[in-house]
Protein backbone atom coordinates (compact mmCIF):
# COMPACT_ATOMS: atom_id res chain seq x y z
CA MET A 1 -80.54 87.15 2.96
CA ASN A 2 -76.80 87.24 3.52
CA ARG A 3 -77.21 85.41 6.82
CA LYS A 4 -79.20 82.66 5.09
CA LYS A 5 -76.52 82.22 2.45
CA LEU A 6 -73.84 82.06 5.13
CA LYS A 7 -75.76 79.37 7.01
CA VAL A 8 -76.18 77.35 3.80
CA LEU A 9 -72.47 77.64 2.99
CA LEU A 10 -71.45 76.63 6.51
CA SER A 11 -73.84 73.67 6.42
CA LEU A 12 -72.46 72.51 3.07
CA PHE A 13 -68.89 72.91 4.32
CA ALA A 14 -69.64 70.88 7.46
CA PHE A 15 -71.40 68.18 5.43
CA ASN A 16 -68.52 67.89 2.95
CA SER A 17 -65.93 67.78 5.75
CA ILE A 18 -67.76 64.95 7.50
CA SER A 19 -68.21 63.05 4.21
CA LEU A 20 -64.51 63.35 3.35
CA TYR A 21 -63.52 62.21 6.85
CA LEU A 22 -65.75 59.14 6.66
CA PHE A 23 -64.55 58.33 3.13
CA PHE A 24 -60.83 58.49 3.97
CA SER A 25 -61.30 56.65 7.27
CA SER A 26 -63.13 53.85 5.49
CA SER A 27 -60.59 53.71 2.64
CA SER A 28 -57.68 53.53 5.05
CA SER A 29 -59.27 50.73 7.06
CA ASP A 30 -60.17 48.68 3.98
CA HIS A 31 -56.80 49.20 2.31
CA HIS A 32 -54.76 48.09 5.31
CA HIS A 33 -57.11 45.20 6.04
CA LYS A 34 -56.37 43.83 2.55
CA LEU A 35 -52.65 44.15 3.11
CA LEU A 36 -52.54 42.59 6.57
CA PRO A 37 -52.71 38.79 6.65
CA GLY A 38 -54.86 37.22 9.33
CA ASN A 39 -53.31 36.49 12.75
CA HIS A 40 -50.09 38.15 11.61
CA LYS A 41 -47.09 38.29 13.91
CA PRO A 42 -43.96 40.09 12.65
CA SER A 43 -41.40 37.29 12.61
CA PRO A 44 -39.42 35.35 9.98
CA GLU A 45 -41.87 32.46 10.29
CA ASN A 46 -44.62 34.61 8.80
CA LEU A 47 -42.93 34.71 5.39
CA LYS A 48 -44.97 31.64 4.43
CA THR A 49 -46.53 31.65 1.01
CA PRO A 50 -47.48 29.08 -1.62
CA PRO A 51 -44.98 28.97 -4.51
CA GLY A 52 -45.64 31.55 -7.19
CA ASN A 53 -47.72 33.80 -4.94
CA HIS A 54 -46.62 37.28 -3.93
CA PRO A 55 -44.67 36.99 -0.66
CA ARG A 56 -46.26 38.92 2.18
CA PHE A 57 -44.00 41.34 3.98
CA PRO A 58 -44.33 41.45 7.77
CA ILE A 59 -46.23 44.52 8.92
CA SER A 60 -44.87 46.01 12.12
CA PRO A 61 -46.65 48.57 14.33
CA ARG A 62 -43.62 50.82 13.69
CA ALA A 63 -44.14 50.77 9.92
CA LYS A 64 -45.70 53.91 8.46
CA PRO A 65 -48.59 53.46 6.01
CA TRP A 66 -48.63 54.97 2.53
CA PRO A 67 -50.78 58.09 2.09
CA ILE A 68 -54.36 57.43 1.01
CA LEU A 69 -53.86 58.61 -2.58
CA PRO A 70 -54.66 56.92 -5.90
CA SER A 71 -50.96 56.93 -6.80
CA TYR A 72 -50.25 54.63 -3.84
CA LEU A 73 -52.85 51.99 -4.64
CA PRO A 74 -51.40 48.59 -5.64
CA TRP A 75 -50.10 48.45 -9.20
CA SER A 76 -51.62 45.85 -11.47
CA LEU A 77 -49.29 43.78 -13.62
CA ASN A 78 -50.28 44.25 -17.27
CA PRO A 79 -48.24 41.98 -19.58
CA ASN A 80 -49.55 43.89 -22.61
CA VAL A 81 -47.72 47.16 -21.91
CA ALA A 82 -46.36 48.34 -25.26
CA LEU A 83 -42.58 48.43 -25.62
CA ARG A 84 -41.15 51.97 -25.36
CA SER A 85 -44.57 53.40 -24.49
CA CYS A 86 -45.14 56.09 -21.85
CA GLU A 87 -46.44 53.40 -19.50
CA GLY A 88 -43.37 51.32 -20.26
CA TYR A 89 -41.02 54.15 -19.30
CA PHE A 90 -42.84 55.71 -16.36
CA GLY A 91 -45.41 53.15 -15.22
CA ASN A 92 -45.40 49.46 -14.51
CA GLY A 93 -43.40 48.26 -17.49
CA PHE A 94 -41.73 45.55 -15.39
CA THR A 95 -43.82 42.81 -16.90
CA ARG A 96 -41.56 39.76 -16.75
CA ARG A 97 -41.11 38.03 -13.41
CA ILE A 98 -38.10 35.79 -12.80
CA ASP A 99 -38.10 33.65 -9.64
CA LEU A 100 -34.46 33.05 -8.79
CA ARG A 101 -35.16 31.37 -5.48
CA ARG A 102 -38.37 30.22 -3.80
CA SER A 103 -38.84 29.18 -0.20
CA SER A 104 -39.03 25.44 0.31
CA VAL A 105 -42.63 24.30 0.55
CA ASP A 106 -44.49 21.84 2.76
CA LYS A 107 -46.54 19.88 0.20
CA THR A 108 -49.29 19.14 2.75
CA LEU A 109 -49.81 22.62 4.16
CA ARG A 110 -48.72 24.43 0.97
CA VAL A 111 -46.67 26.94 2.95
CA SER A 112 -42.99 27.68 2.98
CA GLY A 113 -40.87 25.41 5.08
CA GLY A 114 -37.95 27.76 5.56
CA GLY A 115 -35.23 29.47 3.60
CA GLY A 116 -35.23 32.72 1.74
CA TRP A 117 -36.63 33.81 -1.60
CA PHE A 118 -35.46 36.15 -4.34
CA ARG A 119 -36.97 37.36 -7.60
CA CYS A 120 -36.66 40.10 -10.22
CA TRP A 121 -39.08 41.99 -12.43
CA TYR A 122 -37.70 42.88 -15.87
CA SER A 123 -38.64 45.84 -18.09
CA GLY A 124 -37.98 45.42 -21.82
CA THR A 125 -38.36 49.18 -22.25
CA LEU A 126 -35.78 50.19 -19.67
CA ARG A 127 -33.73 47.00 -20.16
CA SER A 128 -33.29 46.76 -16.41
CA SER A 129 -34.86 45.02 -13.43
CA VAL A 130 -36.31 45.61 -10.00
CA CYS A 131 -35.49 42.79 -7.56
CA ASP A 132 -36.58 41.87 -4.03
CA GLY A 133 -36.05 39.05 -1.61
CA GLY A 134 -36.58 37.71 1.90
CA ARG A 135 -34.15 36.34 4.50
CA VAL A 136 -31.27 38.27 2.96
CA ARG A 137 -28.15 39.02 4.98
CA MET A 138 -25.97 42.07 4.38
CA THR A 139 -22.35 42.03 5.56
CA PRO A 140 -21.08 45.66 5.62
CA GLU A 141 -17.45 44.55 5.99
CA ARG A 142 -17.65 43.14 2.44
CA ILE A 143 -18.84 46.44 0.95
CA LEU A 144 -15.85 48.70 0.28
CA MET A 145 -16.30 52.47 -0.08
CA SER A 146 -15.58 55.73 1.70
CA VAL A 147 -17.21 56.22 5.09
CA GLY A 148 -19.65 58.90 3.89
CA GLY A 149 -21.63 61.50 5.78
CA GLU A 150 -18.69 63.90 6.08
CA LYS A 151 -18.96 67.65 5.64
CA LEU A 152 -18.42 68.72 2.05
CA GLU A 153 -15.45 70.98 2.87
CA ASP A 154 -13.63 68.03 4.46
CA VAL A 155 -13.66 65.88 1.30
CA ILE A 156 -13.28 68.39 -1.53
CA GLY A 157 -11.42 66.72 -4.41
CA ARG A 158 -12.46 63.16 -3.55
CA LYS A 159 -13.55 61.22 -6.65
CA GLU A 160 -17.07 59.86 -6.90
CA ASP A 161 -15.64 56.42 -7.72
CA ASP A 162 -14.23 56.35 -4.19
CA GLU A 163 -17.72 56.94 -2.84
CA LEU A 164 -19.45 54.18 -4.83
CA PRO A 165 -19.61 50.66 -3.35
CA ASN A 166 -17.40 47.76 -4.38
CA PHE A 167 -19.13 44.51 -3.45
CA GLU A 168 -16.97 41.57 -2.49
CA ALA A 169 -18.26 38.02 -2.92
CA GLY A 170 -20.81 37.31 -0.20
CA ALA A 171 -21.60 40.96 0.54
CA PHE A 172 -25.20 39.74 0.42
CA GLU A 173 -26.34 36.20 1.19
CA VAL A 174 -29.69 34.45 0.91
CA ASP A 175 -30.76 31.69 3.29
CA ALA A 176 -31.07 28.58 1.10
CA GLY A 177 -32.64 26.47 3.87
CA GLU A 178 -31.65 23.40 5.85
CA GLY A 179 -29.46 20.80 4.24
CA PHE A 180 -28.08 23.17 1.60
CA GLY A 181 -24.57 22.19 0.46
CA ASP A 182 -21.65 24.39 -0.53
CA GLN A 183 -22.10 28.11 -1.11
CA ARG A 184 -22.79 29.19 -4.66
CA LYS A 185 -23.76 32.34 -6.56
CA LEU A 186 -27.39 33.33 -6.90
CA VAL A 187 -27.03 34.46 -10.54
CA ASP A 188 -24.62 33.76 -13.40
CA VAL A 189 -23.22 36.02 -16.12
CA GLU A 190 -25.90 34.93 -18.59
CA PHE A 191 -28.63 36.15 -16.22
CA LEU A 192 -26.85 39.46 -15.63
CA ASN A 193 -26.36 40.09 -19.35
CA ARG A 194 -30.00 39.32 -20.08
CA TYR A 195 -31.80 41.07 -17.22
CA VAL A 196 -29.30 43.63 -15.88
CA PRO A 197 -27.17 44.53 -18.93
CA GLU A 198 -24.32 46.93 -18.31
CA GLY A 199 -25.09 49.00 -21.40
CA ALA A 200 -23.42 52.41 -21.48
CA ILE A 201 -23.17 52.62 -17.68
CA SER A 202 -19.54 52.81 -16.63
CA ARG A 203 -20.20 51.64 -13.06
CA HIS A 204 -23.32 49.47 -12.72
CA THR A 205 -23.55 48.99 -8.96
CA MET A 206 -26.80 47.05 -9.05
CA ARG A 207 -25.33 44.49 -11.39
CA ALA A 208 -22.29 44.22 -9.11
CA LEU A 209 -24.56 43.82 -6.09
CA LEU A 210 -26.49 40.97 -7.68
CA ASP A 211 -23.23 39.34 -8.76
CA SER A 212 -22.05 39.36 -5.12
CA ILE A 213 -25.07 37.47 -3.73
CA ARG A 214 -24.35 33.95 -2.46
CA LEU A 215 -26.69 31.15 -1.37
CA VAL A 216 -25.82 29.68 2.04
CA GLY A 217 -27.34 26.99 4.24
CA SER A 218 -29.40 27.90 7.30
CA SER A 219 -26.61 26.69 9.60
CA GLU A 220 -24.35 29.44 8.20
CA PHE A 221 -27.04 32.10 8.10
CA LYS A 222 -26.42 33.86 11.42
CA CYS A 223 -27.50 37.47 11.94
CA ASP A 224 -26.73 40.01 14.65
CA GLN A 225 -29.84 42.04 13.89
CA TRP A 226 -33.12 41.38 12.08
CA ILE A 227 -34.99 44.08 10.17
CA GLU A 228 -38.41 42.68 9.44
CA GLU A 229 -39.99 45.67 7.74
CA PRO A 230 -39.45 46.33 4.01
CA THR A 231 -36.10 48.02 3.39
CA LEU A 232 -35.06 49.92 0.28
CA LEU A 233 -31.37 49.98 -0.64
CA VAL A 234 -30.33 53.01 -2.67
CA THR A 235 -27.03 53.88 -4.36
CA ARG A 236 -27.00 57.51 -5.49
CA PHE A 237 -25.12 58.87 -8.52
CA GLU A 238 -24.15 62.54 -8.86
CA TYR A 239 -26.01 62.97 -5.58
CA ALA A 240 -25.60 66.77 -5.39
CA ASN A 241 -27.42 67.20 -8.71
CA LEU A 242 -31.11 68.00 -8.22
CA PHE A 243 -32.14 66.28 -11.47
CA HIS A 244 -30.43 63.04 -10.47
CA THR A 245 -31.97 63.28 -7.01
CA VAL A 246 -35.47 63.57 -8.47
CA THR A 247 -34.87 60.46 -10.62
CA ASP A 248 -33.72 58.69 -7.45
CA TRP A 249 -36.98 59.62 -5.74
CA TYR A 250 -39.01 58.35 -8.65
CA SER A 251 -37.01 55.14 -8.94
CA ALA A 252 -37.56 54.47 -5.24
CA TYR A 253 -41.29 55.03 -5.70
CA VAL A 254 -41.45 52.68 -8.70
CA ALA A 255 -39.44 50.00 -6.89
CA SER A 256 -41.87 50.18 -3.96
CA ARG A 257 -44.88 49.90 -6.28
CA VAL A 258 -43.53 47.08 -8.45
CA THR A 259 -42.61 44.95 -5.44
CA GLY A 260 -45.88 45.77 -3.68
CA LEU A 261 -44.42 47.08 -0.42
CA PRO A 262 -47.36 47.37 2.03
CA THR A 263 -45.81 50.21 4.07
CA ARG A 264 -43.18 52.89 3.66
CA PRO A 265 -39.81 51.16 3.66
CA HIS A 266 -36.70 51.81 5.69
CA LEU A 267 -34.14 53.59 3.53
CA VAL A 268 -30.47 52.56 3.34
CA PHE A 269 -27.98 54.62 1.31
CA VAL A 270 -25.41 52.16 0.02
CA ASP A 271 -22.81 54.74 -0.94
CA GLY A 272 -20.11 56.85 0.72
CA HIS A 273 -21.25 60.32 -0.33
CA CYS A 274 -20.71 63.27 1.97
CA GLN A 275 -23.51 65.37 3.39
CA CYS A 276 -25.29 67.92 1.23
CA PHE A 277 -28.63 69.68 1.27
CA VAL A 278 -30.03 67.26 -1.32
CA SER A 279 -29.22 64.28 0.95
CA VAL A 280 -31.32 65.80 3.72
CA MET A 281 -34.17 66.47 1.30
CA GLU A 282 -33.95 62.93 -0.03
CA ALA A 283 -34.02 61.29 3.37
CA GLN A 284 -36.95 63.40 4.51
CA ARG A 285 -38.85 62.92 1.29
CA MET A 286 -38.42 59.16 0.98
CA ALA A 287 -38.09 57.94 4.54
CA ARG A 288 -40.32 60.55 6.17
CA GLY A 289 -38.61 60.38 9.50
CA GLU A 290 -38.02 56.62 9.66
CA ASP A 291 -34.79 55.23 11.05
CA ASN A 292 -32.02 54.82 8.51
CA VAL A 293 -30.36 51.44 8.83
CA GLU A 294 -26.65 51.59 8.03
CA SER A 295 -25.66 48.00 8.65
CA CYS A 296 -28.21 45.34 9.30
CA VAL A 297 -29.69 42.07 8.26
CA ASP A 298 -32.55 42.58 5.89
CA GLU A 299 -35.51 40.27 6.35
CA SER A 300 -37.24 41.49 3.23
CA SER A 301 -35.37 43.59 0.75
CA SER A 302 -35.69 45.10 -2.64
CA SER A 303 -33.39 47.33 -4.61
CA THR A 304 -32.95 49.75 -7.49
CA SER A 305 -30.37 51.80 -9.30
CA SER A 306 -30.30 55.50 -9.95
CA GLU A 307 -29.07 56.19 -13.42
CA ASP A 308 -30.72 59.04 -15.36
CA VAL A 309 -33.64 57.10 -16.70
CA PRO A 310 -35.88 55.77 -13.95
CA SER A 311 -33.88 52.57 -14.17
CA LEU A 312 -34.34 50.54 -11.07
CA VAL A 313 -31.49 48.49 -9.89
CA ASP A 314 -28.93 49.55 -7.37
CA ALA A 315 -29.25 49.19 -3.70
CA ASN A 316 -32.41 48.41 -2.63
CA GLY A 317 -34.61 47.33 -2.29
CA ILE A 318 -34.61 47.18 -0.93
CA ILE A 319 -29.88 48.01 -2.64
CA THR A 320 -29.58 48.58 -6.55
CA TRP A 321 -33.00 50.41 -6.66
CA LEU A 322 -32.70 46.58 -6.44
CA LYS A 323 -30.49 49.28 -6.43
CA LEU A 324 -33.63 46.95 -5.23
CA VAL A 325 -33.03 48.69 -4.11
């Protein structure tokens, strides 16, 4: 009798294992098929999308897929999320989309004709935004802060303000396409006050990042290195505090979901903090072994910011969690 029961249990276990394997294999294939555009080649030319549609990020063989879990399925945009509701605070409360820049469009083919794009998603509950863009150039020489990455004992007494970034004009630039005239700012003070208000934050690095972005013509948009995969820019606050680190993790997750990143992003810390055990945990948790890009040109970026509430805006996003991020 015991042997019969054992055989039944083993048979059920084998059947369930095979069923689960087939289910997850099928889900993974279907999910990535939906995300991958036909005949895709990872190059700037593939950022072609009709105006108003969600830009497709290039998908490189090096990019790591999200785990096959319900929490990583695409988020739907529900404009009816109640203000100050649980969903508004911790879900997709970023219900207002603002297109700051769209790629130029060929009216015949209905595809982009060149140039970058940039947009933000605003949450009335958090009174902050998540932003992302394509064909964005980062110039590290225009971002002033301590070097970072030192051993803690070597920098004891250094103020956190010295470790946070100061963005000079043009620290980030967006390709405005052929024939674009003189450089100009992407956003004005009215936009910043409405969608990225400073509030009670003494040092709002995401707001400063957005304020530094300039539009430049394609002839001036020269890059030493292209990063074509999604890249999240993160500025950490009180980085050695576990609570703040957890809110950083969550903000990075929300930024990735709101902007619809198809794969795990590269992670760039836009700050000059020294090393600590939390930094190692954060890099492993969020990047999962991917290369960290310290100075690069970002083909598609989003950002967020890591204040106590999951408020997303401070490099990065792919730099203010659009820090995008």
